Every structure is written in structure tokens, then in C-alpha cells.
Amino acid sequence: MTNLYRSGRIAEKKVMNMLKEQGFENLRRSTGSRGPADIYGVKNDIKYYFQVKSGSARIDSEGIERLQQLAKERGGTAVVINRDEQKNKWKFYGRWR
């Protein structure tokens, strides 16, 4: 059985591949999922900060605040992607430029 950390990293990799297909550039994954964002990327000169959740995992209000603060400080967009059953559901939490 795969542990939760590993299954989360697998979901991040799948989301990253999907983002590449959608034209995102300069994609980077955070080291060890320690920061507020799992994936960073740019599209159409807009910075995006993604938090990826898989299966039944959901982001809590503190995690949303941390993600929003990062996007605000760096002038970008905060996005949470919930990956469940091969589908990605996007939820935007603010955009700062």
C-alpha cells in the first residue's frame, strides 16, 4: 500500500504533467511539500501557486491563508487543485499583480 505522502507526490506529478500540456512554463515542485504551495508555474505572464490535494484530502483554512499570503507577496494567483478519480477540480483563492 502506498503511504499518503507518496500518493500525494504522485498526484502532484500528474497535475504537473497536465499543467505542462496546458501551456504552463517554469514549472517547479516544492521540495518535500513543506511550503504553502506544491507547484509553481507561469502562464501568460501570470504567476500561479498551486496546492494539490488528492483523494479525500482537503485544504484547511490555515493552508488557504498561507497559500494566499504567498501569492499576495509574490504577485500571483493562489489555486487549489483537488485530484480525485483522475479528475482535477480547480478552485481559485485570489489573484494579485
N, C-alpha and C. Protein backbone atom coordinates (compact mmCIF):
# COMPACT_ATOMS: atom_id res chain seq x y z
N MET A 1 0.84 -1.19 0.00
CA MET A 1 0.00 0.00 0.00
C MET A 1 0.89 1.25 0.00
N THR A 2 0.49 2.24 -0.74
CA THR A 2 1.23 3.48 -0.84
C THR A 2 0.86 4.39 0.33
N ASN A 3 1.89 5.01 0.96
CA ASN A 3 1.56 5.91 2.06
C ASN A 3 1.01 7.23 1.53
N LEU A 4 0.41 8.03 2.41
CA LEU A 4 -0.25 9.27 1.99
C LEU A 4 0.72 10.27 1.37
N TYR A 5 1.93 10.37 1.92
CA TYR A 5 2.91 11.29 1.36
C TYR A 5 3.23 10.91 -0.08
N ARG A 6 3.51 9.64 -0.31
CA ARG A 6 3.86 9.17 -1.65
C ARG A 6 2.70 9.35 -2.62
N SER A 7 1.48 9.01 -2.21
CA SER A 7 0.34 9.17 -3.11
C SER A 7 0.11 10.65 -3.44
N GLY A 8 0.39 11.53 -2.47
CA GLY A 8 0.29 12.97 -2.72
C GLY A 8 1.31 13.44 -3.73
N ARG A 9 2.53 12.95 -3.62
CA ARG A 9 3.59 13.32 -4.58
C ARG A 9 3.28 12.78 -5.97
N ILE A 10 2.68 11.61 -6.06
CA ILE A 10 2.27 11.06 -7.35
C ILE A 10 1.20 11.95 -7.98
N ALA A 11 0.23 12.38 -7.16
CA ALA A 11 -0.83 13.28 -7.66
C ALA A 11 -0.22 14.59 -8.15
N GLU A 12 0.75 15.14 -7.41
CA GLU A 12 1.43 16.37 -7.83
C GLU A 12 2.10 16.20 -9.19
N LYS A 13 2.75 15.07 -9.40
CA LYS A 13 3.42 14.81 -10.67
C LYS A 13 2.40 14.74 -11.82
N LYS A 14 1.27 14.12 -11.59
CA LYS A 14 0.23 14.03 -12.61
C LYS A 14 -0.34 15.41 -12.92
N VAL A 15 -0.55 16.22 -11.88
CA VAL A 15 -1.04 17.58 -12.09
C VAL A 15 0.00 18.39 -12.84
N MET A 16 1.26 18.23 -12.50
CA MET A 16 2.33 18.96 -13.18
C MET A 16 2.35 18.61 -14.68
N ASN A 17 2.19 17.35 -15.01
CA ASN A 17 2.14 16.95 -16.42
C ASN A 17 0.96 17.59 -17.13
N MET A 18 -0.19 17.66 -16.47
CA MET A 18 -1.38 18.29 -17.03
C MET A 18 -1.13 19.79 -17.25
N LEU A 19 -0.47 20.44 -16.30
CA LEU A 19 -0.17 21.87 -16.43
C LEU A 19 0.76 22.12 -17.62
N LYS A 20 1.74 21.25 -17.81
CA LYS A 20 2.64 21.37 -18.97
C LYS A 20 1.84 21.30 -20.26
N GLU A 21 0.91 20.34 -20.33
CA GLU A 21 0.07 20.19 -21.52
C GLU A 21 -0.79 21.43 -21.77
N GLN A 22 -1.15 22.14 -20.71
CA GLN A 22 -1.98 23.34 -20.83
C GLN A 22 -1.18 24.60 -21.08
N GLY A 23 0.12 24.47 -21.23
CA GLY A 23 0.95 25.61 -21.61
C GLY A 23 1.61 26.36 -20.47
N PHE A 24 1.60 25.82 -19.26
CA PHE A 24 2.30 26.46 -18.16
C PHE A 24 3.80 26.27 -18.35
N GLU A 25 4.57 27.28 -17.96
CA GLU A 25 6.02 27.25 -18.10
C GLU A 25 6.68 27.42 -16.74
N ASN A 26 8.00 27.20 -16.72
CA ASN A 26 8.80 27.37 -15.50
C ASN A 26 8.18 26.62 -14.32
N LEU A 27 7.66 25.43 -14.58
CA LEU A 27 7.03 24.64 -13.53
C LEU A 27 8.07 24.08 -12.58
N ARG A 28 7.80 24.22 -11.30
CA ARG A 28 8.69 23.66 -10.26
C ARG A 28 7.83 23.09 -9.16
N ARG A 29 8.31 22.00 -8.61
CA ARG A 29 7.65 21.40 -7.44
C ARG A 29 8.44 21.78 -6.20
N SER A 30 7.73 22.00 -5.11
CA SER A 30 8.42 22.31 -3.87
C SER A 30 9.12 21.07 -3.36
N THR A 31 10.17 21.28 -2.61
CA THR A 31 10.93 20.17 -2.07
C THR A 31 10.22 19.62 -0.84
N GLY A 32 9.80 18.40 -0.91
CA GLY A 32 9.21 17.73 0.24
C GLY A 32 7.86 18.23 0.68
N SER A 33 7.19 19.02 -0.13
CA SER A 33 5.85 19.54 0.19
C SER A 33 5.82 20.26 1.55
N ARG A 34 6.81 21.06 1.81
CA ARG A 34 6.90 21.76 3.09
C ARG A 34 6.28 23.16 3.06
N GLY A 35 6.25 23.79 1.91
CA GLY A 35 5.76 25.17 1.82
C GLY A 35 4.26 25.22 1.58
N PRO A 36 3.73 26.42 1.45
CA PRO A 36 2.29 26.58 1.23
C PRO A 36 1.84 26.14 -0.16
N ALA A 37 2.77 26.10 -1.14
CA ALA A 37 2.43 25.68 -2.50
C ALA A 37 3.24 24.44 -2.87
N ASP A 38 2.59 23.53 -3.57
CA ASP A 38 3.27 22.32 -4.04
C ASP A 38 3.94 22.56 -5.39
N ILE A 39 3.30 23.38 -6.24
CA ILE A 39 3.78 23.62 -7.60
C ILE A 39 3.72 25.11 -7.89
N TYR A 40 4.77 25.60 -8.57
CA TYR A 40 4.83 26.98 -9.02
C TYR A 40 4.90 26.97 -10.55
N GLY A 41 4.21 27.90 -11.19
CA GLY A 41 4.27 27.96 -12.65
C GLY A 41 3.84 29.31 -13.17
N VAL A 42 4.08 29.54 -14.46
CA VAL A 42 3.74 30.80 -15.11
C VAL A 42 2.99 30.50 -16.40
N LYS A 43 1.94 31.27 -16.66
CA LYS A 43 1.23 31.19 -17.93
C LYS A 43 0.71 32.58 -18.27
N ASN A 44 0.98 33.02 -19.50
CA ASN A 44 0.57 34.35 -19.95
C ASN A 44 1.06 35.45 -19.00
N ASP A 45 2.29 35.32 -18.55
CA ASP A 45 2.94 36.29 -17.65
C ASP A 45 2.25 36.39 -16.29
N ILE A 46 1.46 35.41 -15.91
CA ILE A 46 0.82 35.38 -14.59
C ILE A 46 1.45 34.23 -13.80
N LYS A 47 1.87 34.53 -12.57
CA LYS A 47 2.44 33.51 -11.69
C LYS A 47 1.31 32.76 -10.99
N TYR A 48 1.47 31.46 -10.89
CA TYR A 48 0.47 30.62 -10.21
C TYR A 48 1.15 29.83 -9.11
N TYR A 49 0.46 29.71 -7.99
CA TYR A 49 0.93 28.94 -6.84
C TYR A 49 -0.15 27.90 -6.54
N PHE A 50 0.19 26.63 -6.76
CA PHE A 50 -0.78 25.55 -6.66
C PHE A 50 -0.56 24.72 -5.41
N GLN A 51 -1.64 24.39 -4.74
CA GLN A 51 -1.65 23.39 -3.69
C GLN A 51 -2.47 22.24 -4.25
N VAL A 52 -1.91 21.03 -4.23
CA VAL A 52 -2.57 19.86 -4.79
C VAL A 52 -3.05 18.96 -3.65
N LYS A 53 -4.31 18.56 -3.72
CA LYS A 53 -4.87 17.62 -2.76
C LYS A 53 -5.43 16.45 -3.54
N SER A 54 -5.27 15.25 -3.01
CA SER A 54 -5.75 14.07 -3.73
C SER A 54 -6.68 13.25 -2.85
N GLY A 55 -7.54 12.48 -3.52
CA GLY A 55 -8.49 11.64 -2.80
C GLY A 55 -9.42 12.46 -1.92
N SER A 56 -9.53 12.07 -0.67
CA SER A 56 -10.44 12.78 0.24
C SER A 56 -9.75 13.93 0.99
N ALA A 57 -8.46 14.14 0.76
CA ALA A 57 -7.73 15.22 1.45
C ALA A 57 -8.27 16.57 1.00
N ARG A 58 -8.39 17.50 1.93
CA ARG A 58 -8.85 18.86 1.64
C ARG A 58 -7.95 19.84 2.36
N ILE A 59 -7.85 21.03 1.83
CA ILE A 59 -7.03 22.07 2.44
C ILE A 59 -7.84 22.75 3.54
N ASP A 60 -7.18 23.05 4.65
CA ASP A 60 -7.88 23.73 5.75
C ASP A 60 -7.74 25.24 5.60
N SER A 61 -8.43 25.99 6.44
CA SER A 61 -8.43 27.46 6.32
C SER A 61 -7.04 28.04 6.53
N GLU A 62 -6.24 27.45 7.41
CA GLU A 62 -4.87 27.93 7.62
C GLU A 62 -4.03 27.73 6.37
N GLY A 63 -4.20 26.58 5.71
CA GLY A 63 -3.47 26.31 4.47
C GLY A 63 -3.85 27.28 3.36
N ILE A 64 -5.14 27.61 3.29
CA ILE A 64 -5.61 28.59 2.30
C ILE A 64 -4.99 29.95 2.57
N GLU A 65 -4.97 30.36 3.83
CA GLU A 65 -4.38 31.66 4.20
C GLU A 65 -2.90 31.71 3.85
N ARG A 66 -2.17 30.63 4.10
CA ARG A 66 -0.74 30.59 3.78
C ARG A 66 -0.52 30.66 2.27
N LEU A 67 -1.34 29.96 1.50
CA LEU A 67 -1.24 29.99 0.05
C LEU A 67 -1.57 31.38 -0.48
N GLN A 68 -2.61 32.00 0.04
CA GLN A 68 -2.99 33.36 -0.37
C GLN A 68 -1.89 34.36 -0.03
N GLN A 69 -1.30 34.22 1.13
CA GLN A 69 -0.24 35.15 1.54
C GLN A 69 0.96 35.03 0.61
N LEU A 70 1.33 33.81 0.25
CA LEU A 70 2.44 33.60 -0.69
C LEU A 70 2.14 34.26 -2.03
N ALA A 71 0.94 34.02 -2.55
CA ALA A 71 0.57 34.60 -3.85
C ALA A 71 0.53 36.13 -3.77
N LYS A 72 0.07 36.65 -2.66
CA LYS A 72 -0.01 38.11 -2.49
C LYS A 72 1.39 38.71 -2.43
N GLU A 73 2.29 38.11 -1.66
CA GLU A 73 3.66 38.61 -1.53
C GLU A 73 4.40 38.59 -2.87
N ARG A 74 4.12 37.59 -3.69
CA ARG A 74 4.86 37.42 -4.94
C ARG A 74 4.08 37.88 -6.17
N GLY A 75 2.91 38.45 -5.95
CA GLY A 75 2.13 38.97 -7.07
C GLY A 75 1.62 37.90 -8.02
N GLY A 76 0.93 36.91 -7.48
CA GLY A 76 0.45 35.81 -8.31
C GLY A 76 -0.96 35.39 -7.98
N THR A 77 -1.31 34.19 -8.39
CA THR A 77 -2.64 33.63 -8.22
C THR A 77 -2.56 32.36 -7.37
N ALA A 78 -3.43 32.26 -6.37
CA ALA A 78 -3.48 31.10 -5.49
C ALA A 78 -4.54 30.13 -6.01
N VAL A 79 -4.14 28.87 -6.20
CA VAL A 79 -5.06 27.86 -6.74
C VAL A 79 -4.90 26.55 -5.96
N VAL A 80 -6.04 25.94 -5.63
CA VAL A 80 -6.03 24.59 -5.07
C VAL A 80 -6.61 23.67 -6.11
N ILE A 81 -5.91 22.57 -6.38
CA ILE A 81 -6.41 21.56 -7.31
C ILE A 81 -6.68 20.29 -6.51
N ASN A 82 -7.95 19.87 -6.50
CA ASN A 82 -8.34 18.62 -5.87
C ASN A 82 -8.38 17.55 -6.95
N ARG A 83 -7.52 16.54 -6.79
CA ARG A 83 -7.44 15.45 -7.78
C ARG A 83 -8.12 14.23 -7.19
N ASP A 84 -9.20 13.80 -7.86
CA ASP A 84 -9.94 12.64 -7.39
C ASP A 84 -10.48 11.87 -8.59
N GLU A 85 -10.26 10.58 -8.60
CA GLU A 85 -10.73 9.72 -9.69
C GLU A 85 -10.31 10.24 -11.07
N GLN A 86 -9.05 10.58 -11.21
CA GLN A 86 -8.47 11.03 -12.48
C GLN A 86 -8.97 12.39 -12.95
N LYS A 87 -9.72 13.11 -12.13
CA LYS A 87 -10.23 14.42 -12.50
C LYS A 87 -9.59 15.48 -11.61
N ASN A 88 -9.38 16.66 -12.19
CA ASN A 88 -8.79 17.78 -11.45
C ASN A 88 -9.83 18.88 -11.33
N LYS A 89 -10.15 19.25 -10.10
CA LYS A 89 -11.10 20.34 -9.85
C LYS A 89 -10.32 21.53 -9.31
N TRP A 90 -10.38 22.66 -10.06
CA TRP A 90 -9.63 23.86 -9.71
C TRP A 90 -10.49 24.77 -8.85
N LYS A 91 -9.88 25.38 -7.85
CA LYS A 91 -10.55 26.41 -7.05
C LYS A 91 -9.55 27.55 -6.85
N PHE A 92 -9.97 28.75 -7.29
CA PHE A 92 -9.10 29.92 -7.21
C PHE A 92 -9.37 30.67 -5.91
N TYR A 93 -8.30 31.11 -5.25
CA TYR A 93 -8.41 31.81 -3.97
C TYR A 93 -7.82 33.22 -4.01
N GLY A 94 -7.73 33.81 -5.16
CA GLY A 94 -7.28 35.20 -5.25
C GLY A 94 -6.15 35.39 -6.23
N ARG A 95 -6.11 36.61 -6.77
CA ARG A 95 -5.07 36.97 -7.74
C ARG A 95 -4.53 38.36 -7.39
N TRP A 96 -3.23 38.46 -7.31
CA TRP A 96 -2.57 39.72 -7.00
C TRP A 96 -1.51 39.98 -8.06
N ARG A 97 -1.42 41.23 -8.53
CA ARG A 97 -0.40 41.58 -9.53
C ARG A 97 0.40 42.75 -9.07
